[in-house]
Protein backbone atom coordinates (compact mmCIF):
# COMPACT_ATOMS: atom_id res chain seq x y z
CA MET A 1 1.34 -9.71 -71.47
CA ILE A 2 2.87 -10.86 -68.17
CA LEU A 3 2.80 -14.60 -67.39
CA PRO A 4 4.32 -15.20 -63.93
CA GLY A 5 5.95 -18.58 -63.23
CA VAL A 6 4.70 -20.40 -66.36
CA ILE A 7 7.99 -22.08 -67.33
CA PRO A 8 8.07 -25.60 -65.79
CA PRO A 9 10.87 -26.14 -63.22
CA ASP A 10 12.67 -28.75 -65.33
CA MET A 11 12.67 -26.44 -68.35
CA LEU A 12 13.94 -23.56 -66.20
CA THR A 13 16.83 -25.69 -64.92
CA MET A 14 17.67 -26.72 -68.47
CA LEU A 15 17.68 -23.10 -69.72
CA ARG A 16 20.04 -22.09 -66.91
CA GLU A 17 22.42 -24.93 -67.80
CA GLU A 18 22.35 -24.08 -71.49
CA CYS A 19 22.89 -20.40 -70.71
CA SER A 20 26.10 -21.24 -68.82
CA TYR A 21 27.35 -23.27 -71.77
CA PHE A 22 26.68 -20.56 -74.34
CA LEU A 23 28.25 -17.84 -72.17
CA GLY A 24 31.46 -19.89 -72.23
CA TYR A 25 31.01 -20.48 -75.94
CA LYS A 26 30.71 -16.73 -76.61
CA ASP A 27 33.70 -15.89 -74.41
CA SER A 28 35.84 -18.41 -76.28
CA MET A 29 34.80 -16.89 -79.60
CA MET A 30 35.68 -13.37 -78.41
CA ASP A 31 38.99 -14.65 -77.00
CA ALA A 32 39.83 -16.18 -80.38
CA LYS A 33 39.20 -12.82 -82.03
CA GLY A 34 41.12 -10.93 -79.33
CA VAL A 35 38.21 -8.57 -78.63
CA GLU A 36 36.41 -7.37 -75.51
CA VAL A 37 33.51 -5.78 -77.41
CA GLU A 38 31.71 -7.35 -80.35
CA ASP A 39 28.71 -5.41 -81.64
CA ILE A 40 26.51 -4.99 -78.52
CA ASN A 41 28.27 -7.77 -76.58
CA HIS A 42 30.62 -6.52 -73.85
CA ARG A 43 32.70 -9.36 -72.42
CA GLY A 44 32.05 -10.01 -68.75
CA LYS A 45 29.39 -7.31 -68.61
CA ARG A 46 26.52 -7.78 -71.05
CA TYR A 47 25.75 -10.47 -73.63
CA PHE A 48 23.36 -10.93 -76.55
CA ILE A 49 24.07 -14.44 -77.86
CA SER A 50 21.90 -15.18 -80.87
CA ASN A 51 20.72 -18.09 -82.98
CA TYR A 52 22.67 -21.07 -81.68
CA TYR A 53 19.58 -23.13 -80.80
CA ARG A 54 20.42 -25.74 -83.45
CA LEU A 55 23.41 -26.75 -81.32
CA SER A 56 21.11 -27.86 -78.49
CA SER A 57 18.25 -30.34 -78.75
CA ARG A 58 17.13 -29.29 -75.26
CA MET A 59 16.70 -25.67 -76.33
CA ARG A 60 14.63 -26.78 -79.30
CA ASP A 61 12.36 -28.66 -76.89
CA PHE A 62 11.57 -25.32 -75.24
CA ILE A 63 11.42 -23.02 -78.27
CA PHE A 64 9.01 -25.31 -80.11
CA SER A 65 7.06 -26.48 -77.07
CA PRO A 66 3.27 -26.47 -76.62
CA LEU A 67 3.73 -23.67 -74.06
CA MET A 68 5.43 -21.35 -76.55
CA ALA A 69 2.98 -22.37 -79.29
CA GLU A 70 0.07 -21.35 -77.07
CA ILE A 71 1.61 -18.00 -76.20
CA ALA A 72 2.62 -17.19 -79.78
CA GLN A 73 -0.74 -18.19 -81.26
CA SER A 74 -2.61 -16.04 -78.75
CA VAL A 75 -0.94 -13.00 -80.32
CA LEU A 76 -0.02 -14.00 -83.87
CA GLY A 77 -2.78 -16.39 -84.88
CA PRO A 78 -2.73 -20.00 -86.14
CA GLU A 79 0.52 -19.72 -88.15
CA VAL A 80 3.82 -19.10 -86.35
CA TYR A 81 7.49 -19.00 -87.38
CA LEU A 82 10.59 -18.71 -85.22
CA PHE A 83 12.20 -15.41 -86.20
CA ASN A 84 15.11 -15.06 -83.77
CA GLU A 85 16.33 -16.31 -80.40
CA GLN A 86 19.01 -15.13 -78.02
CA TRP A 87 20.41 -15.13 -74.52
CA VAL A 88 20.41 -11.71 -72.83
CA VAL A 89 22.68 -11.71 -69.78
CA LYS A 90 23.88 -8.99 -67.42
CA ASN A 91 26.81 -10.00 -65.25
CA ALA A 92 26.89 -9.40 -61.52
CA GLU A 93 27.69 -5.87 -60.33
CA GLN A 94 28.79 -4.63 -63.74
CA GLY A 95 25.97 -5.68 -66.04
CA MET A 96 25.37 -2.67 -68.26
CA LYS A 97 22.08 -0.91 -68.98
CA PHE A 98 20.44 -1.27 -72.39
CA SER A 99 18.96 1.82 -74.04
CA TRP A 100 15.37 2.57 -75.09
CA HIS A 101 14.64 0.76 -78.35
CA GLN A 102 12.13 -1.18 -80.37
CA ASP A 103 13.30 -4.63 -81.43
CA SER A 104 12.12 -3.72 -84.92
CA GLY A 105 14.40 -0.68 -84.75
CA TYR A 106 17.41 -2.97 -85.18
CA LEU A 107 15.87 -4.61 -88.23
CA LYS A 108 14.96 -1.24 -89.73
CA ARG A 109 18.46 0.09 -89.11
CA SER A 110 20.19 -2.84 -90.82
CA HIS A 111 17.60 -3.43 -93.57
CA PRO A 112 15.47 -0.28 -94.02
CA GLU A 113 13.90 -1.68 -97.18
CA VAL A 114 12.28 -4.58 -95.30
CA ALA A 115 8.76 -3.59 -94.24
CA HIS A 116 7.27 -5.91 -91.64
CA PRO A 117 4.37 -6.16 -89.20
CA PRO A 118 5.21 -6.51 -85.51
CA TYR A 119 6.67 -9.80 -84.38
CA LEU A 120 6.49 -11.18 -80.85
CA THR A 121 9.25 -11.04 -78.24
CA CYS A 122 9.02 -13.51 -75.34
CA TRP A 123 11.25 -12.27 -72.49
CA CYS A 124 11.77 -15.41 -70.37
CA THR A 125 13.29 -14.89 -66.92
CA LEU A 126 15.89 -17.36 -65.66
CA ASP A 127 16.23 -15.36 -62.43
CA ASP A 128 13.94 -13.23 -60.29
CA VAL A 129 14.04 -9.80 -61.93
CA SER A 130 13.89 -6.44 -60.17
CA GLU A 131 14.96 -2.86 -60.66
CA ALA A 132 18.14 -3.69 -58.74
CA ASN A 133 19.34 -6.35 -61.17
CA GLY A 134 18.44 -4.63 -64.41
CA THR A 135 14.93 -5.69 -65.31
CA ALA A 136 13.14 -4.47 -68.44
CA TYR A 137 10.99 -1.34 -68.50
CA ILE A 138 8.11 -1.21 -70.96
CA LEU A 139 6.73 2.00 -72.51
CA PRO A 140 3.13 1.49 -73.67
CA HIS A 141 2.31 2.63 -77.22
CA SER A 142 0.02 5.33 -75.82
CA ARG A 143 2.98 6.97 -74.05
CA GLY A 144 5.72 6.18 -76.57
CA GLY A 145 3.84 7.12 -79.73
CA THR A 146 4.71 3.74 -81.26
CA ALA A 147 1.29 2.40 -82.23
CA GLY A 148 1.72 0.99 -85.73
CA ARG A 149 5.12 2.50 -86.46
CA ILE A 150 8.86 2.01 -86.07
CA ILE A 151 10.76 5.03 -84.80
CA ASP A 152 14.10 6.02 -86.32
CA HIS A 153 16.93 4.97 -83.99
CA ILE A 154 20.38 6.51 -83.56
CA GLN A 155 23.49 4.62 -82.45
CA GLU A 156 24.88 5.45 -79.02
CA PRO A 157 28.68 5.89 -78.98
CA GLY A 158 30.58 3.40 -76.82
CA THR A 159 27.82 0.86 -76.22
CA HIS A 160 26.73 0.47 -79.90
CA ASP A 161 23.12 0.48 -78.63
CA LEU A 162 20.42 1.86 -80.89
CA VAL A 163 18.31 4.50 -79.14
CA GLY A 164 14.72 5.19 -80.19
CA TYR A 165 13.42 7.34 -77.33
CA GLN A 166 14.95 10.35 -75.60
CA GLY A 167 12.06 11.35 -73.34
CA ASP A 168 11.88 11.32 -69.53
CA ASP A 169 9.15 8.67 -69.09
CA PRO A 170 10.87 5.88 -67.07
CA GLY A 171 8.50 3.18 -68.33
CA ASP A 172 6.86 0.41 -66.32
CA PRO A 173 9.25 -2.10 -64.70
CA VAL A 174 8.72 -5.83 -65.12
CA ILE A 175 8.96 -7.33 -61.62
CA VAL A 176 8.43 -11.11 -61.81
CA PRO A 177 9.97 -14.30 -60.42
CA ALA A 178 12.23 -16.68 -62.31
CA GLY A 179 10.34 -18.81 -64.81
CA SER A 180 8.07 -15.99 -65.96
CA ILE A 181 7.49 -14.63 -69.47
CA ALA A 182 6.85 -11.02 -70.47
CA ALA A 183 5.57 -10.94 -74.05
CA PHE A 184 5.45 -7.74 -76.11
CA THR A 185 5.55 -6.74 -79.75
CA SER A 186 8.64 -5.70 -81.65
CA TYR A 187 7.18 -2.17 -81.97
CA THR A 188 7.10 -1.74 -78.17
CA LEU A 189 9.73 0.59 -76.70
CA HIS A 190 11.65 -0.99 -73.84
CA ARG A 191 14.93 -0.62 -71.99
CA SER A 192 16.73 -2.28 -69.10
CA GLY A 193 18.77 -0.98 -66.18
CA ALA A 194 22.21 -1.95 -64.93
CA ASN A 195 22.68 -5.00 -62.73
CA LEU A 196 23.81 -3.72 -59.34
CA THR A 197 23.49 -7.03 -57.49
CA ASN A 198 26.06 -9.76 -56.81
CA ARG A 199 24.33 -12.30 -59.07
CA MET A 200 23.79 -12.54 -62.82
CA ARG A 201 20.51 -11.53 -64.42
CA ARG A 202 19.73 -14.05 -67.19
CA ILE A 203 17.02 -13.89 -69.84
CA TYR A 204 16.21 -16.21 -72.71
CA LEU A 205 14.44 -14.47 -75.56
CA PRO A 206 12.76 -16.35 -78.43
CA GLN A 207 10.92 -14.22 -81.00
CA TYR A 208 8.13 -15.38 -83.28
CA ALA A 209 6.43 -14.00 -86.39
CA ALA A 210 3.13 -14.70 -88.14
CA ALA A 211 4.86 -14.98 -91.53
CA PRO A 212 8.41 -14.97 -92.90
CA ILE A 213 10.01 -11.52 -92.73
CA GLY A 214 12.22 -10.26 -95.54
CA GLY A 215 14.11 -12.63 -97.80
CA ASP A 216 17.60 -13.93 -98.36
CA GLU A 217 19.07 -10.51 -97.54
CA ILE A 218 18.36 -10.86 -93.81
CA LYS A 219 18.96 -14.58 -93.32
CA GLU A 220 22.32 -13.91 -91.70
CA TRP A 221 20.52 -13.24 -88.43
CA ALA A 222 16.76 -13.49 -88.98
CA MET A 223 14.96 -16.78 -89.51
CA ALA A 224 11.64 -18.13 -90.74
CA VAL A 225 11.51 -21.59 -89.20
CA PRO A 226 8.00 -23.11 -89.45
CA PHE A 227 6.60 -23.77 -85.97
CA VAL A 228 2.79 -23.79 -86.05
CA LYS A 229 0.36 -24.15 -88.97
CA ASP A 230 -3.42 -24.23 -88.67
CA GLY A 231 -2.99 -24.34 -84.91
CA LYS A 232 -0.79 -27.46 -84.90
CA ILE A 233 2.93 -27.72 -84.11
CA ILE A 234 4.72 -28.69 -87.31
CA TYR A 235 8.36 -28.06 -86.36
CA ASP A 236 10.62 -30.61 -88.06
CA ALA A 237 13.98 -30.79 -86.28
CA ALA A 238 15.59 -33.06 -88.88
CA GLY A 239 14.54 -30.81 -91.73
CA ASP A 240 15.62 -27.69 -89.86
CA LEU A 241 19.10 -29.06 -89.19
CA ALA A 242 19.45 -30.35 -92.74
CA GLU A 243 18.54 -26.95 -94.17
CA LYS A 244 21.13 -25.24 -91.98
CA TYR A 245 23.99 -27.75 -92.13
CA GLY A 246 23.14 -29.93 -95.13
CA PRO A 247 22.24 -33.63 -95.11
CA ARG A 248 24.47 -35.92 -93.07
CA ARG A 249 26.73 -38.20 -95.06
CA SER A 250 26.93 -41.82 -94.06
CA LYS A 251 30.29 -43.01 -92.78
CA LYS A 252 32.09 -45.67 -94.82
């Protein structure tokens, strides 16, 4: 599902500002550890910065907005949970490719015992995206053989990417302006090219599920934050923050 230019201009500006902040935040964390590569993050080249939305009230305004509720319900139905969210950034001129994979392939690799229906990925563009700056390529189920199943993935040496497809189909490129959303299921094979331009390619990527996935064993990176119930937004920011950080103590 391709939705060109649906993110309001003020929300787009906010997401760009928050992206800059969290890039610096991630760099400082990697500096403190003395590393250039952390999992699939490659400093100064490619970033996947996940699940820091509770540090930003402005990000919560977007993730749990009527716009995202409408998109998620159109696919998942009247009950929606936030499952995951992350920044996906390719730096100028050296932003690395990302290999063919299903988003569910990463969950299956880390927790093979957790069976789950497809969840929804919302690929939100903060910049115009093209083949030159490393846009996503989508492989329809009919061509990838992924209808109703998660393919076994292997880990690629060097990048730490999981790879779920080795064929020669290039996929269909997503060519849309900034402020657009490409929505696809977590069973959909997709990849992205390298950024060969002199500007960053920035994506914000919230993911939603129709029901909680897994249990306590995957809470280190997967979430089940109530968003919509019976077609109404029920997100409770105070309750969400209290569950994560505990109740605030009054100062004496």
